[in-house]
Amino acid sequence: MLIKATSGSFSKHPKLRAALLAGFPDAVFNDDALKYTKAELIDYIADTDGLVLGLEPVDDEVLAACPNLKIVAKFGVGLDNLDVEACENRGIAVGWTGGTNKRSVAEMDLCFMLAMARAAILRNQDATLATAVAGSAQRFRGVSTGVRVLSQLQLTPDQLQRLGQRRGCVEPENPDVLFYTGCNVLKTPHIVLLCLDILDALEITYVVRGGPSHCCGVFQLQTGDLEGFERMALRTIDKLAAPATTETLSWCPSCQAR
């Protein structure tokens, strides 16, 4: 049985590599960590019986080009890049177990908590508070400009208003939820608009908050400007608490972690 791995990180992991070779001595690895186009991916896996899949998109067209494929083992978080329904239709088994990294995630969260409590952030030992403040301000300006420019290039004034990026939007008095977008997703605003369309279809009323004016303070935290982080985070929390709603729907996982 021929097994091929597309994931570069899997291919370079000595224990994972050894485990696969123990069962399948002829397994083929992506030793050069190549990033495949669809055509290159099809050419690479067309003759395989089993696939260790990384981040490469695999749809029905790719599956159709792999007549021998019997199983896809997903390496990494989520199945977004794999058409699971197409696999089922073609009788291809899918192997994936969610939550296997939960211990590592929990350990990282605890480390972040300790780092925040002891001010052991990313500020270098020889850096001063002034350099931390200057660094956070520079990064915040860069993201603010990127969000503002990219969202305005893609959206009409009405759409910007719908996303809470322009004043004058008529909002419900007692919305069911407050939808918090964070900052970066506004660079790809179609994602947020689709979320709002879903809420509309479910007849859920909402108000939208987000963008640089509602930053969680991540840039201040990352540079060691703890005072700036606290000011930014508390100001945003106050803004999110203002609408008369008891439910908040948060899009951004980074903001949620802060």
Protein backbone atom coordinates (compact mmCIF):
# COMPACT_ATOMS: atom_id res chain seq x y z
CA MET A 1 0.00 0.00 0.00
CA LEU A 2 1.51 3.31 -1.10
CA ILE A 3 1.23 6.20 1.38
CA LYS A 4 2.22 9.77 0.57
CA ALA A 5 2.46 12.78 2.86
CA THR A 6 1.91 16.32 1.61
CA SER A 7 2.59 18.00 4.94
CA GLY A 8 6.13 19.32 5.23
CA SER A 9 6.00 19.50 9.04
CA PHE A 10 4.79 15.90 9.25
CA SER A 11 7.48 14.80 6.84
CA LYS A 12 10.23 16.39 8.95
CA HIS A 13 8.99 15.10 12.31
CA PRO A 14 11.28 12.19 13.22
CA LYS A 15 8.79 10.30 15.41
CA LEU A 16 5.86 10.66 13.01
CA ARG A 17 8.07 9.75 10.10
CA ALA A 18 9.41 6.65 11.88
CA ALA A 19 5.92 5.54 12.90
CA LEU A 20 4.65 5.74 9.32
CA LEU A 21 7.71 3.98 7.89
CA ALA A 22 7.32 1.18 10.44
CA GLY A 23 3.98 0.28 8.94
CA PHE A 24 4.59 1.40 5.38
CA PRO A 25 8.29 1.18 4.42
CA ASP A 26 7.66 2.63 0.96
CA ALA A 27 5.94 5.80 2.24
CA VAL A 28 6.81 8.98 0.36
CA PHE A 29 7.38 12.28 2.18
CA ASN A 30 7.39 15.94 1.22
CA ASP A 31 10.96 16.39 2.43
CA ASP A 32 11.40 19.78 0.77
CA ALA A 33 8.19 21.18 2.32
CA LEU A 34 6.89 22.09 -1.14
CA LYS A 35 3.73 24.17 -1.55
CA TYR A 36 1.73 22.44 -4.24
CA THR A 37 -0.55 23.97 -6.81
CA LYS A 38 -3.62 21.90 -7.59
CA ALA A 39 -1.98 20.46 -10.71
CA GLU A 40 1.22 19.66 -8.82
CA LEU A 41 -0.74 18.08 -5.99
CA ILE A 42 -2.67 15.84 -8.40
CA ASP A 43 0.57 14.82 -10.09
CA TYR A 44 2.13 13.97 -6.72
CA ILE A 45 -0.73 11.91 -5.22
CA ALA A 46 -2.44 10.45 -8.31
CA ASP A 47 -1.14 6.92 -7.65
CA THR A 48 -1.32 6.84 -3.85
CA ASP A 49 -3.51 4.52 -1.78
CA GLY A 50 -3.35 6.64 1.37
CA LEU A 51 -2.73 10.32 1.94
CA VAL A 52 -1.38 12.20 4.95
CA LEU A 53 -2.83 15.62 4.20
CA GLY A 54 -1.59 18.95 5.48
CA LEU A 55 -3.02 22.31 4.42
CA GLU A 56 -3.46 21.56 0.71
CA PRO A 57 -7.04 21.99 -0.58
CA VAL A 58 -8.47 18.65 -1.69
CA ASP A 59 -11.81 18.85 -3.49
CA ASP A 60 -13.73 16.41 -5.66
CA GLU A 61 -11.61 17.25 -8.70
CA VAL A 62 -8.46 16.20 -6.86
CA LEU A 63 -10.13 13.06 -5.51
CA ALA A 64 -11.32 12.11 -8.99
CA ALA A 65 -7.71 12.09 -10.16
CA CYS A 66 -6.72 9.58 -7.45
CA PRO A 67 -8.45 6.29 -8.38
CA ASN A 68 -6.49 4.23 -5.85
CA LEU A 69 -7.08 6.51 -2.88
CA LYS A 70 -8.69 4.69 0.04
CA ILE A 71 -8.01 6.91 3.05
CA VAL A 72 -7.07 10.50 3.84
CA ALA A 73 -5.46 11.10 7.24
CA LYS A 74 -5.68 14.81 8.08
CA PHE A 75 -2.62 16.18 9.87
CA GLY A 76 -3.32 19.40 11.76
CA VAL A 77 -6.32 21.35 12.99
CA GLY A 78 -9.67 21.19 11.21
CA LEU A 79 -11.01 19.72 7.99
CA ASP A 80 -11.70 22.99 6.15
CA ASN A 81 -9.38 22.14 3.27
CA LEU A 82 -10.83 18.67 2.68
CA ASP A 83 -14.15 17.97 0.95
CA VAL A 84 -15.39 15.37 3.42
CA GLU A 85 -18.69 14.87 1.60
CA ALA A 86 -16.86 14.12 -1.64
CA CYS A 87 -14.72 11.58 0.21
CA GLU A 88 -17.84 9.89 1.56
CA ASN A 89 -19.41 9.80 -1.90
CA ARG A 90 -16.31 8.12 -3.29
CA GLY A 91 -15.95 5.65 -0.42
CA ILE A 92 -12.73 7.24 0.83
CA ALA A 93 -12.23 7.03 4.58
CA VAL A 94 -11.24 10.18 6.46
CA GLY A 95 -9.04 9.94 9.53
CA TRP A 96 -8.94 12.90 11.89
CA THR A 97 -9.25 13.33 15.66
CA GLY A 98 -10.18 16.71 17.06
CA GLY A 99 -8.82 18.06 20.33
CA THR A 100 -5.55 16.15 20.32
CA ASN A 101 -3.63 19.38 20.94
CA LYS A 102 -5.86 20.57 23.81
CA ARG A 103 -3.19 19.94 26.44
CA SER A 104 -0.67 22.07 24.54
CA VAL A 105 -3.23 24.84 24.05
CA ALA A 106 -4.10 24.78 27.76
CA GLU A 107 -0.41 24.95 28.69
CA MET A 108 0.11 27.91 26.36
CA ASP A 109 -2.87 29.75 27.87
CA LEU A 110 -1.45 29.23 31.37
CA CYS A 111 1.92 30.55 30.20
CA PHE A 112 0.23 33.65 28.79
CA MET A 113 -1.59 34.20 32.10
CA LEU A 114 1.65 33.95 34.05
CA ALA A 115 3.42 36.21 31.57
CA MET A 116 0.74 38.87 31.91
CA ALA A 117 0.69 38.59 35.70
CA ARG A 118 4.47 38.98 35.97
CA ALA A 119 4.88 41.45 33.09
CA ALA A 120 7.12 38.89 31.35
CA ILE A 121 6.00 39.89 27.89
CA LEU A 122 8.06 40.15 24.71
CA ARG A 123 9.87 43.30 25.77
CA ASN A 124 13.62 42.66 25.59
CA GLN A 125 15.56 42.96 28.83
CA ASP A 126 17.44 46.00 27.54
CA ALA A 127 14.35 47.70 26.10
CA THR A 128 12.74 50.63 27.87
CA LEU A 129 9.06 51.39 28.30
CA ALA A 130 9.49 54.22 25.80
CA THR A 131 10.68 51.85 23.07
CA ALA A 132 7.82 49.47 23.90
CA VAL A 133 5.29 52.30 23.58
CA ALA A 134 6.83 53.49 20.32
CA GLY A 135 6.84 49.96 18.91
CA SER A 136 3.21 49.32 19.82
CA ALA A 137 2.15 52.66 18.33
CA GLN A 138 3.94 51.90 15.06
CA ARG A 139 2.36 48.46 14.75
CA PHE A 140 -1.09 49.79 15.64
CA ARG A 141 -0.83 52.52 12.99
CA GLY A 142 0.19 49.96 10.39
CA VAL A 143 -2.75 47.67 11.09
CA SER A 144 -5.18 50.59 11.32
CA THR A 145 -4.09 51.87 7.93
CA GLY A 146 -4.30 48.41 6.38
CA VAL A 147 -7.78 47.75 7.76
CA ARG A 148 -9.09 51.16 6.73
CA VAL A 149 -7.65 51.11 3.21
CA LEU A 150 -8.46 47.50 2.34
CA SER A 151 -12.01 47.64 3.69
CA GLN A 152 -12.77 50.91 1.89
CA LEU A 153 -11.39 49.57 -1.39
CA GLN A 154 -13.74 46.58 -1.24
CA LEU A 155 -16.93 47.94 0.30
CA THR A 156 -19.61 50.45 -0.56
CA PRO A 157 -20.50 53.15 1.98
CA ASP A 158 -23.64 51.22 2.91
CA GLN A 159 -21.61 48.06 3.55
CA LEU A 160 -19.08 49.98 5.66
CA GLN A 161 -21.96 51.36 7.67
CA ARG A 162 -23.41 47.88 8.09
CA LEU A 163 -20.07 46.74 9.54
CA GLY A 164 -20.04 49.63 12.00
CA GLN A 165 -17.25 51.48 10.21
CA ARG A 166 -19.33 54.57 9.46
CA ARG A 167 -21.66 56.58 11.62
CA GLY A 168 -25.33 56.93 10.93
CA CYS A 169 -26.38 53.28 10.95
CA VAL A 170 -29.81 52.75 12.48
CA GLU A 171 -29.40 50.07 15.13
CA PRO A 172 -32.06 48.02 16.93
CA GLU A 173 -32.85 49.24 20.44
CA ASN A 174 -32.56 45.83 22.09
CA PRO A 175 -30.44 43.65 19.79
CA ASP A 176 -30.17 39.92 20.39
CA VAL A 177 -26.38 39.94 20.07
CA LEU A 178 -23.40 42.22 19.73
CA PHE A 179 -21.20 40.97 16.88
CA TYR A 180 -17.55 41.80 17.59
CA THR A 181 -15.37 41.51 14.50
CA GLY A 182 -11.97 42.44 15.84
CA CYS A 183 -9.64 44.20 13.38
CA ASN A 184 -7.95 41.97 10.82
CA VAL A 185 -11.04 40.27 9.40
CA LEU A 186 -12.12 43.65 8.01
CA LYS A 187 -9.31 43.24 5.47
CA THR A 188 -11.41 40.39 4.05
CA PRO A 189 -14.85 41.85 4.83
CA HIS A 190 -16.83 39.38 2.72
CA ILE A 191 -16.39 36.92 5.59
CA VAL A 192 -18.11 39.26 8.05
CA LEU A 193 -20.86 40.11 5.57
CA LEU A 194 -21.59 36.40 5.15
CA CYS A 195 -21.84 36.05 8.94
CA LEU A 196 -24.30 38.94 9.05
CA ASP A 197 -26.32 37.35 6.25
CA ILE A 198 -26.58 34.20 8.35
CA LEU A 199 -27.78 36.20 11.35
CA ASP A 200 -30.35 37.91 9.13
CA ALA A 201 -31.55 34.57 7.83
CA LEU A 202 -31.96 33.36 11.43
CA GLU A 203 -33.86 36.57 12.23
CA ILE A 204 -31.33 37.47 14.92
CA THR A 205 -31.00 41.20 15.51
CA TYR A 206 -27.53 42.58 16.11
CA VAL A 207 -25.19 45.52 16.36
CA VAL A 208 -21.66 45.37 14.97
CA ARG A 209 -18.53 46.62 16.69
CA GLY A 210 -14.93 46.25 15.61
CA GLY A 211 -12.04 47.73 13.72
CA PRO A 212 -9.04 49.59 15.16
CA SER A 213 -11.29 51.77 17.33
CA HIS A 214 -12.25 48.58 19.19
CA CYS A 215 -8.79 47.00 19.40
CA CYS A 216 -8.16 44.40 22.12
CA GLY A 217 -4.69 45.84 22.83
CA VAL A 218 -2.69 42.98 21.31
CA PHE A 219 0.03 45.25 19.89
CA GLN A 220 0.63 46.96 23.22
CA LEU A 221 0.73 43.58 24.96
CA GLN A 222 3.17 42.06 22.49
CA THR A 223 5.68 44.90 22.79
CA GLY A 224 5.49 45.06 26.60
CA ASP A 225 3.49 48.29 26.87
CA LEU A 226 1.27 46.95 29.66
CA GLU A 227 -0.16 50.34 30.59
CA GLY A 228 -1.20 50.95 26.99
CA PHE A 229 -2.63 47.44 26.76
CA GLU A 230 -4.76 48.00 29.85
CA ARG A 231 -6.07 51.34 28.59
CA MET A 232 -6.91 49.96 25.15
CA ALA A 233 -8.51 46.76 26.42
CA LEU A 234 -10.65 48.46 29.10
CA ARG A 235 -11.80 51.16 26.67
CA THR A 236 -12.91 48.48 24.21
CA ILE A 237 -14.68 46.52 26.94
CA ASP A 238 -16.60 49.66 27.91
CA LYS A 239 -17.63 50.18 24.27
CA LEU A 240 -18.78 46.58 23.93
CA ALA A 241 -20.81 46.89 27.13
CA ALA A 242 -22.68 49.97 25.93
CA PRO A 243 -25.35 48.37 23.68
CA ALA A 244 -28.35 46.90 25.50
CA THR A 245 -27.55 43.25 24.86
CA THR A 246 -26.46 40.38 27.08
CA GLU A 247 -24.90 38.24 24.34
CA THR A 248 -21.63 38.91 22.51
CA LEU A 249 -20.59 36.98 19.42
CA SER A 250 -16.83 37.33 18.98
CA TRP A 251 -15.25 36.56 15.62
CA CYS A 252 -11.58 37.05 16.49
CA PRO A 253 -9.94 34.29 18.59
CA SER A 254 -6.92 36.50 19.34
CA CYS A 255 -9.16 39.21 20.78
CA GLN A 256 -11.03 36.57 22.78
CA ALA A 257 -7.75 35.27 24.25
CA ARG A 258 -6.72 38.75 25.34
